[in-house]
Amino acid sequence: MNYTLDSVHHFVETLKEEFPEFRDYTAKPILKGKGDIICEIKENVFYFGVYTTSSDEEVVTYVHMVKGGNFVVAPNTQVILGFKSTSVLDLQGNDIAPITTVLNQFRGFEITLTY
């Protein structure tokens, strides 16, 4: 299972390819939900795992990718992916992540690269 496309090991290997100057990494298991979803961009920190969006159709969840760009995850969806951060907006485009009761959840790894 270390080398399947949905493994943390595979994601780390792709980070090594993208950032060849890093020397090592730590992978800490985490579970995030409600107001503590991953919205803050941290230097040299990435996430890999299962991201589940709530069924609330009054919000839009964006996932910000490692190499830039983002995509919308539809309500009531579960995806396995590696990413940099997320944003949760209301339908008017306001950032509601810090105050949201939306039940998005992330279960996976916080990967910190060390240079």
C-alpha atoms as a PDB file:
ATOM      1  CA  MET A   1       0.000   0.000   0.000  1.00  0.00           C
ATOM      2  CA  ASN A   2       2.971   2.381   0.261  1.00  0.00           C
ATOM      3  CA  TYR A   3       3.072   3.027  -3.459  1.00  0.00           C
ATOM      4  CA  THR A   4      -0.606   3.174  -4.422  1.00  0.00           C
ATOM      5  CA  LEU A   5      -1.854   6.457  -5.869  1.00  0.00           C
ATOM      6  CA  ASP A   6      -3.901   7.142  -2.745  1.00  0.00           C
ATOM      7  CA  SER A   7      -1.057   6.668  -0.250  1.00  0.00           C
ATOM      8  CA  VAL A   8       0.669   9.312   1.827  1.00  0.00           C
ATOM      9  CA  HIS A   9       3.992   7.846   0.696  1.00  0.00           C
ATOM     10  CA  HIS A  10       3.143   8.511  -2.942  1.00  0.00           C
ATOM     11  CA  PHE A  11       2.181  12.111  -2.113  1.00  0.00           C
ATOM     12  CA  VAL A  12       5.471  12.664  -0.247  1.00  0.00           C
ATOM     13  CA  GLU A  13       7.397  11.295  -3.241  1.00  0.00           C
ATOM     14  CA  THR A  14       5.634  13.815  -5.504  1.00  0.00           C
ATOM     15  CA  LEU A  15       6.541  16.599  -3.061  1.00  0.00           C
ATOM     16  CA  LYS A  16      10.182  15.461  -3.236  1.00  0.00           C
ATOM     17  CA  GLU A  17      10.008  15.805  -7.003  1.00  0.00           C
ATOM     18  CA  GLU A  18       8.400  19.251  -6.789  1.00  0.00           C
ATOM     19  CA  PHE A  19      10.669  20.540  -3.980  1.00  0.00           C
ATOM     20  CA  PRO A  20      14.024  18.738  -4.408  1.00  0.00           C
ATOM     21  CA  GLU A  21      15.744  21.010  -1.889  1.00  0.00           C
ATOM     22  CA  PHE A  22      13.900  19.586   1.126  1.00  0.00           C
ATOM     23  CA  ARG A  23      15.820  17.091   3.230  1.00  0.00           C
ATOM     24  CA  ASP A  24      13.185  15.391   5.340  1.00  0.00           C
ATOM     25  CA  TYR A  25       9.543  15.468   6.383  1.00  0.00           C
ATOM     26  CA  THR A  26       7.220  14.631   9.235  1.00  0.00           C
ATOM     27  CA  ALA A  27       3.742  13.212   8.694  1.00  0.00           C
ATOM     28  CA  LYS A  28       1.437  13.809  11.655  1.00  0.00           C
ATOM     29  CA  PRO A  29      -2.002  12.126  11.630  1.00  0.00           C
ATOM     30  CA  ILE A  30      -4.830  14.621  12.134  1.00  0.00           C
ATOM     31  CA  LEU A  31      -8.613  14.866  12.223  1.00  0.00           C
ATOM     32  CA  LYS A  32     -10.168  18.277  11.587  1.00  0.00           C
ATOM     33  CA  GLY A  33     -13.780  19.337  11.457  1.00  0.00           C
ATOM     34  CA  LYS A  34     -16.180  22.256  11.860  1.00  0.00           C
ATOM     35  CA  GLY A  35     -14.380  25.547  12.639  1.00  0.00           C
ATOM     36  CA  ASP A  36     -10.901  24.049  12.636  1.00  0.00           C
ATOM     37  CA  ILE A  37     -10.859  22.989   8.994  1.00  0.00           C
ATOM     38  CA  ILE A  38      -7.594  23.673   7.208  1.00  0.00           C
ATOM     39  CA  CYS A  39      -7.813  27.269   5.995  1.00  0.00           C
ATOM     40  CA  GLU A  40      -4.515  28.743   7.122  1.00  0.00           C
ATOM     41  CA  ILE A  41      -1.637  28.486   4.661  1.00  0.00           C
ATOM     42  CA  LYS A  42       1.500  27.402   6.518  1.00  0.00           C
ATOM     43  CA  GLU A  43       5.004  27.524   5.098  1.00  0.00           C
ATOM     44  CA  ASN A  44       6.296  24.075   4.042  1.00  0.00           C
ATOM     45  CA  VAL A  45       3.105  22.346   5.242  1.00  0.00           C
ATOM     46  CA  PHE A  46       0.838  20.200   3.070  1.00  0.00           C
ATOM     47  CA  TYR A  47      -2.053  17.852   3.706  1.00  0.00           C
ATOM     48  CA  PHE A  48      -2.953  14.450   2.341  1.00  0.00           C
ATOM     49  CA  GLY A  49      -6.028  12.425   3.139  1.00  0.00           C
ATOM     50  CA  VAL A  50      -9.791  12.211   2.916  1.00  0.00           C
ATOM     51  CA  TYR A  51     -11.669  15.524   2.708  1.00  0.00           C
ATOM     52  CA  THR A  52     -15.440  15.341   3.188  1.00  0.00           C
ATOM     53  CA  THR A  53     -17.772  18.265   2.532  1.00  0.00           C
ATOM     54  CA  SER A  54     -21.084  18.744   4.283  1.00  0.00           C
ATOM     55  CA  SER A  55     -24.424  18.620   2.523  1.00  0.00           C
ATOM     56  CA  ASP A  56     -24.878  22.384   3.084  1.00  0.00           C
ATOM     57  CA  GLU A  57     -25.522  23.906  -0.339  1.00  0.00           C
ATOM     58  CA  GLU A  58     -25.245  27.452   1.041  1.00  0.00           C
ATOM     59  CA  VAL A  59     -21.429  27.276   1.110  1.00  0.00           C
ATOM     60  CA  VAL A  60     -18.666  26.715  -1.425  1.00  0.00           C
ATOM     61  CA  THR A  61     -15.549  24.738  -0.455  1.00  0.00           C
ATOM     62  CA  TYR A  62     -12.320  25.426  -2.372  1.00  0.00           C
ATOM     63  CA  VAL A  63      -9.243  23.222  -2.172  1.00  0.00           C
ATOM     64  CA  HIS A  64      -5.961  25.045  -2.924  1.00  0.00           C
ATOM     65  CA  MET A  65      -3.539  22.768  -4.731  1.00  0.00           C
ATOM     66  CA  VAL A  66       0.214  22.330  -4.138  1.00  0.00           C
ATOM     67  CA  LYS A  67       1.279  23.877  -7.457  1.00  0.00           C
ATOM     68  CA  GLY A  68      -1.271  26.682  -7.308  1.00  0.00           C
ATOM     69  CA  GLY A  69      -4.809  26.890  -8.521  1.00  0.00           C
ATOM     70  CA  ASN A  70      -7.850  25.527  -6.781  1.00  0.00           C
ATOM     71  CA  PHE A  71     -11.043  23.649  -7.394  1.00  0.00           C
ATOM     72  CA  VAL A  72     -14.492  23.459  -5.866  1.00  0.00           C
ATOM     73  CA  VAL A  73     -15.528  20.360  -3.962  1.00  0.00           C
ATOM     74  CA  ALA A  74     -19.275  19.826  -4.341  1.00  0.00           C
ATOM     75  CA  PRO A  75     -21.470  19.513  -1.235  1.00  0.00           C
ATOM     76  CA  ASN A  76     -21.832  16.038   0.227  1.00  0.00           C
ATOM     77  CA  THR A  77     -18.661  14.785  -1.481  1.00  0.00           C
ATOM     78  CA  GLN A  78     -15.622  12.859  -0.290  1.00  0.00           C
ATOM     79  CA  VAL A  79     -12.254  13.140  -2.063  1.00  0.00           C
ATOM     80  CA  ILE A  80      -8.774  11.724  -1.426  1.00  0.00           C
ATOM     81  CA  LEU A  81      -6.126  14.283  -2.289  1.00  0.00           C
ATOM     82  CA  GLY A  82      -3.007  16.232  -1.404  1.00  0.00           C
ATOM     83  CA  PHE A  83      -3.368  19.996  -1.000  1.00  0.00           C
ATOM     84  CA  LYS A  84      -2.042  23.198   0.572  1.00  0.00           C
ATOM     85  CA  SER A  85      -5.172  24.628   2.246  1.00  0.00           C
ATOM     86  CA  THR A  86      -8.919  25.090   1.865  1.00  0.00           C
ATOM     87  CA  SER A  87     -11.405  27.968   1.879  1.00  0.00           C
ATOM     88  CA  VAL A  88     -15.063  27.914   2.829  1.00  0.00           C
ATOM     89  CA  LEU A  89     -17.155  30.770   1.432  1.00  0.00           C
ATOM     90  CA  ASP A  90     -20.817  31.647   1.559  1.00  0.00           C
ATOM     91  CA  LEU A  91     -22.694  32.142  -1.706  1.00  0.00           C
ATOM     92  CA  GLN A  92     -21.797  35.861  -1.684  1.00  0.00           C
ATOM     93  CA  GLY A  93     -18.073  35.020  -1.574  1.00  0.00           C
ATOM     94  CA  ASN A  94     -17.460  35.870   2.100  1.00  0.00           C
ATOM     95  CA  ASP A  95     -14.924  33.746   3.968  1.00  0.00           C
ATOM     96  CA  ILE A  96     -16.886  31.968   6.684  1.00  0.00           C
ATOM     97  CA  ALA A  97     -14.359  29.317   7.748  1.00  0.00           C
ATOM     98  CA  PRO A  98     -13.484  30.811  11.165  1.00  0.00           C
ATOM     99  CA  ILE A  99     -17.134  31.027  12.224  1.00  0.00           C
ATOM    100  CA  THR A 100     -18.714  28.226  10.258  1.00  0.00           C
ATOM    101  CA  THR A 101     -20.772  25.402  11.633  1.00  0.00           C
ATOM    102  CA  VAL A 102     -20.418  23.604   8.313  1.00  0.00           C
ATOM    103  CA  LEU A 103     -19.501  20.013   9.007  1.00  0.00           C
ATOM    104  CA  ASN A 104     -16.639  19.642   6.531  1.00  0.00           C
ATOM    105  CA  GLN A 105     -14.091  17.163   7.805  1.00  0.00           C
ATOM    106  CA  PHE A 106     -10.512  16.200   6.995  1.00  0.00           C
ATOM    107  CA  ARG A 107      -8.895  12.940   8.101  1.00  0.00           C
ATOM    108  CA  GLY A 108      -5.323  12.355   7.046  1.00  0.00           C
ATOM    109  CA  PHE A 109      -1.812  13.684   7.486  1.00  0.00           C
ATOM    110  CA  GLU A 110      -0.228  17.086   7.994  1.00  0.00           C
ATOM    111  CA  ILE A 111       3.097  16.837   6.148  1.00  0.00           C
ATOM    112  CA  THR A 112       5.814  19.302   7.096  1.00  0.00           C
ATOM    113  CA  LEU A 113       8.873  19.578   4.888  1.00  0.00           C
ATOM    114  CA  THR A 114      12.217  20.412   6.478  1.00  0.00           C
ATOM    115  CA  TYR A 115      15.028  21.989   4.486  1.00  0.00           C
END
